[in-house]
Amino acid sequence: MIFESWKHFARVLNNRTRFDIVLLLRKEGGLSVSEICERLGYEQSRVSHNLKCLLNCGFVEVEQRGKRRIYRMSEIACRILDALEDYMEEYQRQLVKCGVLREELENAAEKVKSRG
């Protein structure tokens, strides 16, 4: 069970659009869908789809302000991501140089290449 939870947590951030939204909301605070689209240059449907995932997974919260919905990072998600960022700053070189991870990535790329 715990492995599956970690796997899903990683999948949330392993999507470039969601990752970009998370970075933006951590930096800027509360924003509407149109403001997120404007700053990131993504289409509204793409942003809305990924915000739905971030909301369902507890990364963001939404507040209704008149006709606008304002999205912001949840406090707990910010604390977790701050701690992970601290870890990555300290161990970035080791993460990048890890031969096991590099080999797994190369093997995955070869499988994709051989399929198509």
N, C-alpha and C. Protein backbone atom coordinates (compact mmCIF):
# COMPACT_ATOMS: atom_id res chain seq x y z
N MET A 1 0.82 -1.21 0.00
CA MET A 1 0.00 0.00 0.00
C MET A 1 0.86 1.26 0.00
N ILE A 2 1.86 1.31 0.86
CA ILE A 2 2.68 2.51 0.94
C ILE A 2 3.45 2.74 -0.36
N PHE A 3 3.90 1.64 -1.01
CA PHE A 3 4.61 1.78 -2.28
C PHE A 3 3.70 2.42 -3.31
N GLU A 4 2.46 1.97 -3.38
CA GLU A 4 1.52 2.53 -4.35
C GLU A 4 1.28 4.02 -4.09
N SER A 5 1.20 4.41 -2.83
CA SER A 5 1.00 5.82 -2.50
C SER A 5 2.19 6.66 -2.97
N TRP A 6 3.39 6.18 -2.72
CA TRP A 6 4.60 6.89 -3.17
C TRP A 6 4.64 6.97 -4.70
N LYS A 7 4.25 5.87 -5.35
CA LYS A 7 4.26 5.83 -6.81
C LYS A 7 3.30 6.88 -7.37
N HIS A 8 2.12 7.00 -6.79
CA HIS A 8 1.14 7.98 -7.24
C HIS A 8 1.62 9.41 -6.95
N PHE A 9 2.22 9.61 -5.79
CA PHE A 9 2.76 10.93 -5.45
C PHE A 9 3.80 11.35 -6.49
N ALA A 10 4.69 10.44 -6.84
CA ALA A 10 5.73 10.74 -7.83
C ALA A 10 5.12 10.99 -9.21
N ARG A 11 4.07 10.25 -9.55
CA ARG A 11 3.42 10.43 -10.86
C ARG A 11 2.80 11.82 -10.99
N VAL A 12 2.31 12.36 -9.90
CA VAL A 12 1.74 13.71 -9.94
C VAL A 12 2.80 14.70 -10.43
N LEU A 13 4.00 14.61 -9.88
CA LEU A 13 5.06 15.56 -10.21
C LEU A 13 5.86 15.15 -11.44
N ASN A 14 5.65 13.95 -11.95
CA ASN A 14 6.38 13.46 -13.11
C ASN A 14 5.73 13.92 -14.42
N ASN A 15 4.77 14.79 -14.32
CA ASN A 15 4.10 15.37 -15.49
C ASN A 15 4.54 16.82 -15.58
N ARG A 16 5.09 17.23 -16.73
CA ARG A 16 5.68 18.58 -16.86
C ARG A 16 4.66 19.69 -16.60
N THR A 17 3.44 19.52 -17.09
CA THR A 17 2.44 20.57 -16.88
C THR A 17 2.13 20.73 -15.40
N ARG A 18 1.89 19.62 -14.72
CA ARG A 18 1.59 19.70 -13.28
C ARG A 18 2.78 20.26 -12.51
N PHE A 19 3.98 19.83 -12.89
CA PHE A 19 5.19 20.32 -12.24
C PHE A 19 5.30 21.84 -12.42
N ASP A 20 5.06 22.33 -13.63
CA ASP A 20 5.12 23.77 -13.89
C ASP A 20 4.07 24.53 -13.09
N ILE A 21 2.87 23.97 -13.00
CA ILE A 21 1.80 24.61 -12.22
C ILE A 21 2.19 24.68 -10.75
N VAL A 22 2.72 23.59 -10.22
CA VAL A 22 3.15 23.56 -8.81
C VAL A 22 4.22 24.62 -8.56
N LEU A 23 5.23 24.68 -9.43
CA LEU A 23 6.28 25.68 -9.26
C LEU A 23 5.71 27.09 -9.28
N LEU A 24 4.81 27.35 -10.23
CA LEU A 24 4.20 28.67 -10.35
C LEU A 24 3.39 29.03 -9.11
N LEU A 25 2.55 28.13 -8.65
CA LEU A 25 1.72 28.41 -7.49
C LEU A 25 2.55 28.56 -6.22
N ARG A 26 3.64 27.82 -6.12
CA ARG A 26 4.52 27.98 -4.95
C ARG A 26 5.16 29.36 -4.97
N LYS A 27 5.48 29.84 -6.14
CA LYS A 27 6.15 31.14 -6.27
C LYS A 27 5.17 32.31 -6.17
N GLU A 28 4.03 32.20 -6.85
CA GLU A 28 3.12 33.34 -7.00
C GLU A 28 1.94 33.34 -6.02
N GLY A 29 1.64 32.20 -5.42
CA GLY A 29 0.47 32.15 -4.56
C GLY A 29 -0.78 31.83 -5.35
N GLY A 30 -1.92 32.36 -4.94
CA GLY A 30 -3.20 32.04 -5.56
C GLY A 30 -3.38 32.66 -6.93
N LEU A 31 -3.78 31.83 -7.89
CA LEU A 31 -4.01 32.28 -9.26
C LEU A 31 -5.24 31.59 -9.85
N SER A 32 -5.88 32.28 -10.78
CA SER A 32 -6.99 31.67 -11.52
C SER A 32 -6.44 30.84 -12.67
N VAL A 33 -7.30 30.05 -13.29
CA VAL A 33 -6.89 29.24 -14.44
C VAL A 33 -6.35 30.14 -15.55
N SER A 34 -7.05 31.24 -15.82
CA SER A 34 -6.60 32.12 -16.90
C SER A 34 -5.24 32.75 -16.59
N GLU A 35 -4.98 33.08 -15.33
CA GLU A 35 -3.67 33.62 -14.95
C GLU A 35 -2.57 32.58 -15.09
N ILE A 36 -2.89 31.34 -14.74
CA ILE A 36 -1.91 30.25 -14.89
C ILE A 36 -1.61 30.04 -16.37
N CYS A 37 -2.65 30.01 -17.19
CA CYS A 37 -2.48 29.85 -18.64
C CYS A 37 -1.60 30.95 -19.21
N GLU A 38 -1.88 32.17 -18.81
CA GLU A 38 -1.14 33.33 -19.31
C GLU A 38 0.35 33.23 -18.95
N ARG A 39 0.63 32.87 -17.70
CA ARG A 39 2.02 32.84 -17.25
C ARG A 39 2.80 31.66 -17.83
N LEU A 40 2.11 30.52 -18.02
CA LEU A 40 2.81 29.32 -18.50
C LEU A 40 2.72 29.14 -20.01
N GLY A 41 1.76 29.80 -20.64
CA GLY A 41 1.60 29.65 -22.08
C GLY A 41 0.92 28.35 -22.49
N TYR A 42 0.15 27.76 -21.58
CA TYR A 42 -0.57 26.52 -21.87
C TYR A 42 -2.03 26.83 -22.16
N GLU A 43 -2.67 25.94 -22.91
CA GLU A 43 -4.10 26.08 -23.19
C GLU A 43 -4.92 25.84 -21.93
N GLN A 44 -6.09 26.47 -21.91
CA GLN A 44 -6.96 26.38 -20.74
C GLN A 44 -7.35 24.94 -20.41
N SER A 45 -7.66 24.14 -21.41
CA SER A 45 -8.10 22.76 -21.16
C SER A 45 -6.96 21.95 -20.53
N ARG A 46 -5.74 22.18 -20.97
CA ARG A 46 -4.58 21.48 -20.41
C ARG A 46 -4.37 21.86 -18.95
N VAL A 47 -4.45 23.14 -18.64
CA VAL A 47 -4.28 23.61 -17.27
C VAL A 47 -5.40 23.09 -16.38
N SER A 48 -6.64 23.20 -16.85
CA SER A 48 -7.79 22.74 -16.05
C SER A 48 -7.71 21.25 -15.75
N HIS A 49 -7.35 20.46 -16.75
CA HIS A 49 -7.22 19.02 -16.56
C HIS A 49 -6.19 18.70 -15.48
N ASN A 50 -5.04 19.36 -15.54
CA ASN A 50 -3.98 19.08 -14.58
C ASN A 50 -4.25 19.67 -13.21
N LEU A 51 -4.97 20.80 -13.15
CA LEU A 51 -5.39 21.33 -11.86
C LEU A 51 -6.35 20.37 -11.17
N LYS A 52 -7.21 19.72 -11.95
CA LYS A 52 -8.14 18.74 -11.38
C LYS A 52 -7.36 17.62 -10.70
N CYS A 53 -6.32 17.14 -11.34
CA CYS A 53 -5.48 16.11 -10.73
C CYS A 53 -4.83 16.63 -9.46
N LEU A 54 -4.23 17.82 -9.53
CA LEU A 54 -3.56 18.39 -8.36
C LEU A 54 -4.53 18.62 -7.20
N LEU A 55 -5.75 19.00 -7.53
CA LEU A 55 -6.78 19.19 -6.51
C LEU A 55 -7.20 17.85 -5.91
N ASN A 56 -7.47 16.87 -6.77
CA ASN A 56 -7.88 15.54 -6.30
C ASN A 56 -6.81 14.89 -5.43
N CYS A 57 -5.55 15.17 -5.73
CA CYS A 57 -4.43 14.55 -5.00
C CYS A 57 -3.98 15.35 -3.79
N GLY A 58 -4.63 16.49 -3.52
CA GLY A 58 -4.34 17.27 -2.33
C GLY A 58 -3.17 18.23 -2.45
N PHE A 59 -2.66 18.44 -3.65
CA PHE A 59 -1.55 19.37 -3.83
C PHE A 59 -2.03 20.82 -3.81
N VAL A 60 -3.22 21.06 -4.35
CA VAL A 60 -3.75 22.43 -4.39
C VAL A 60 -5.11 22.49 -3.72
N GLU A 61 -5.48 23.70 -3.37
CA GLU A 61 -6.80 24.00 -2.83
C GLU A 61 -7.41 25.06 -3.72
N VAL A 62 -8.72 25.16 -3.71
CA VAL A 62 -9.40 26.15 -4.56
C VAL A 62 -10.35 26.96 -3.70
N GLU A 63 -10.43 28.24 -4.02
CA GLU A 63 -11.33 29.17 -3.33
C GLU A 63 -12.14 29.90 -4.39
N GLN A 64 -13.45 29.98 -4.17
CA GLN A 64 -14.33 30.69 -5.09
C GLN A 64 -14.33 32.17 -4.73
N ARG A 65 -13.97 33.03 -5.69
CA ARG A 65 -14.04 34.49 -5.51
C ARG A 65 -14.91 35.06 -6.62
N GLY A 66 -16.17 35.24 -6.31
CA GLY A 66 -17.11 35.67 -7.33
C GLY A 66 -17.22 34.59 -8.39
N LYS A 67 -16.94 34.94 -9.64
CA LYS A 67 -16.99 33.97 -10.73
C LYS A 67 -15.67 33.23 -10.91
N ARG A 68 -14.65 33.69 -10.23
CA ARG A 68 -13.31 33.11 -10.42
C ARG A 68 -13.00 32.07 -9.34
N ARG A 69 -12.30 31.06 -9.77
CA ARG A 69 -11.78 30.05 -8.84
C ARG A 69 -10.28 30.29 -8.71
N ILE A 70 -9.82 30.47 -7.49
CA ILE A 70 -8.41 30.77 -7.24
C ILE A 70 -7.75 29.51 -6.66
N TYR A 71 -6.69 29.09 -7.33
CA TYR A 71 -5.95 27.89 -6.92
C TYR A 71 -4.68 28.31 -6.19
N ARG A 72 -4.39 27.59 -5.13
CA ARG A 72 -3.15 27.81 -4.38
C ARG A 72 -2.66 26.47 -3.86
N MET A 73 -1.39 26.41 -3.58
CA MET A 73 -0.81 25.18 -3.03
C MET A 73 -1.36 24.95 -1.63
N SER A 74 -1.59 23.69 -1.29
CA SER A 74 -2.00 23.37 0.08
C SER A 74 -0.78 23.53 0.98
N GLU A 75 -1.02 23.87 2.21
CA GLU A 75 0.07 24.09 3.16
C GLU A 75 0.91 22.84 3.35
N ILE A 76 0.27 21.69 3.48
CA ILE A 76 1.01 20.44 3.70
C ILE A 76 1.85 20.09 2.47
N ALA A 77 1.30 20.30 1.27
CA ALA A 77 2.07 20.02 0.05
C ALA A 77 3.29 20.93 -0.02
N CYS A 78 3.14 22.18 0.35
CA CYS A 78 4.28 23.11 0.36
C CYS A 78 5.36 22.64 1.32
N ARG A 79 4.97 22.20 2.50
CA ARG A 79 5.97 21.72 3.47
C ARG A 79 6.70 20.49 2.94
N ILE A 80 5.95 19.57 2.35
CA ILE A 80 6.57 18.36 1.80
C ILE A 80 7.52 18.71 0.66
N LEU A 81 7.08 19.57 -0.25
CA LEU A 81 7.92 19.94 -1.39
C LEU A 81 9.14 20.75 -0.95
N ASP A 82 8.99 21.59 0.08
CA ASP A 82 10.15 22.31 0.62
C ASP A 82 11.19 21.34 1.15
N ALA A 83 10.73 20.32 1.89
CA ALA A 83 11.65 19.32 2.44
C ALA A 83 12.32 18.52 1.32
N LEU A 84 11.55 18.14 0.31
CA LEU A 84 12.13 17.40 -0.83
C LEU A 84 13.14 18.26 -1.58
N GLU A 85 12.84 19.54 -1.74
CA GLU A 85 13.75 20.45 -2.41
C GLU A 85 15.06 20.57 -1.63
N ASP A 86 14.96 20.66 -0.31
CA ASP A 86 16.17 20.71 0.52
C ASP A 86 17.01 19.44 0.32
N TYR A 87 16.34 18.31 0.29
CA TYR A 87 17.03 17.03 0.08
C TYR A 87 17.74 17.04 -1.28
N MET A 88 17.03 17.45 -2.32
CA MET A 88 17.59 17.41 -3.67
C MET A 88 18.76 18.39 -3.81
N GLU A 89 18.70 19.53 -3.14
CA GLU A 89 19.82 20.46 -3.18
C GLU A 89 21.08 19.79 -2.63
N GLU A 90 20.90 19.05 -1.54
CA GLU A 90 22.03 18.41 -0.90
C GLU A 90 22.55 17.21 -1.69
N TYR A 91 21.65 16.46 -2.31
CA TYR A 91 22.04 15.20 -2.96
C TYR A 91 21.91 15.23 -4.49
N GLN A 92 21.79 16.41 -5.07
CA GLN A 92 21.57 16.53 -6.51
C GLN A 92 22.64 15.80 -7.32
N ARG A 93 23.91 16.01 -7.00
CA ARG A 93 24.98 15.35 -7.76
C ARG A 93 24.87 13.84 -7.69
N GLN A 94 24.55 13.32 -6.53
CA GLN A 94 24.43 11.87 -6.39
C GLN A 94 23.22 11.33 -7.16
N LEU A 95 22.12 12.07 -7.13
CA LEU A 95 20.94 11.65 -7.88
C LEU A 95 21.23 11.60 -9.38
N VAL A 96 21.91 12.62 -9.89
CA VAL A 96 22.22 12.70 -11.31
C VAL A 96 23.22 11.63 -11.73
N LYS A 97 24.18 11.35 -10.86
CA LYS A 97 25.25 10.41 -11.20
C LYS A 97 24.91 8.94 -10.91
N CYS A 98 23.77 8.69 -10.32
CA CYS A 98 23.42 7.32 -9.94
C CYS A 98 23.38 6.40 -11.16
N GLY A 99 24.30 5.48 -11.22
CA GLY A 99 24.38 4.54 -12.33
C GLY A 99 23.17 3.64 -12.45
N VAL A 100 22.62 3.24 -11.34
CA VAL A 100 21.44 2.36 -11.35
C VAL A 100 20.26 3.08 -12.01
N LEU A 101 20.00 4.33 -11.60
CA LEU A 101 18.91 5.09 -12.20
C LEU A 101 19.16 5.34 -13.68
N ARG A 102 20.40 5.66 -14.04
CA ARG A 102 20.74 5.91 -15.44
C ARG A 102 20.50 4.65 -16.27
N GLU A 103 20.90 3.50 -15.74
CA GLU A 103 20.71 2.23 -16.45
C GLU A 103 19.22 1.93 -16.62
N GLU A 104 18.43 2.14 -15.58
CA GLU A 104 16.98 1.91 -15.67
C GLU A 104 16.36 2.82 -16.73
N LEU A 105 16.78 4.07 -16.78
CA LEU A 105 16.27 5.02 -17.76
C LEU A 105 16.65 4.60 -19.17
N GLU A 106 17.88 4.17 -19.35
CA GLU A 106 18.33 3.70 -20.67
C GLU A 106 17.57 2.46 -21.10
N ASN A 107 17.34 1.53 -20.18
CA ASN A 107 16.57 0.32 -20.50
C ASN A 107 15.14 0.65 -20.89
N ALA A 108 14.54 1.59 -20.19
CA ALA A 108 13.17 2.01 -20.51
C ALA A 108 13.12 2.66 -21.89
N ALA A 109 14.13 3.48 -22.20
CA ALA A 109 14.18 4.14 -23.50
C ALA A 109 14.36 3.11 -24.61
N GLU A 110 15.15 2.08 -24.38
CA GLU A 110 15.36 1.02 -25.37
C GLU A 110 14.06 0.25 -25.62
N LYS A 111 13.30 -0.02 -24.56
CA LYS A 111 12.02 -0.72 -24.71
C LYS A 111 11.07 0.09 -25.57
N VAL A 112 11.00 1.39 -25.32
CA VAL A 112 10.13 2.26 -26.11
C VAL A 112 10.59 2.28 -27.57
N LYS A 113 11.88 2.37 -27.76
CA LYS A 113 12.46 2.42 -29.10
C LYS A 113 12.17 1.13 -29.88
N SER A 114 12.26 -0.01 -29.21
CA SER A 114 12.05 -1.30 -29.88
C SER A 114 10.57 -1.54 -30.22
N ARG A 115 9.66 -0.90 -29.50
CA ARG A 115 8.22 -1.03 -29.77
C ARG A 115 7.79 -0.27 -31.01
N GLY A 116 8.43 0.84 -31.25
CA GLY A 116 7.90 1.69 -32.31
C GLY A 116 8.91 2.11 -33.25
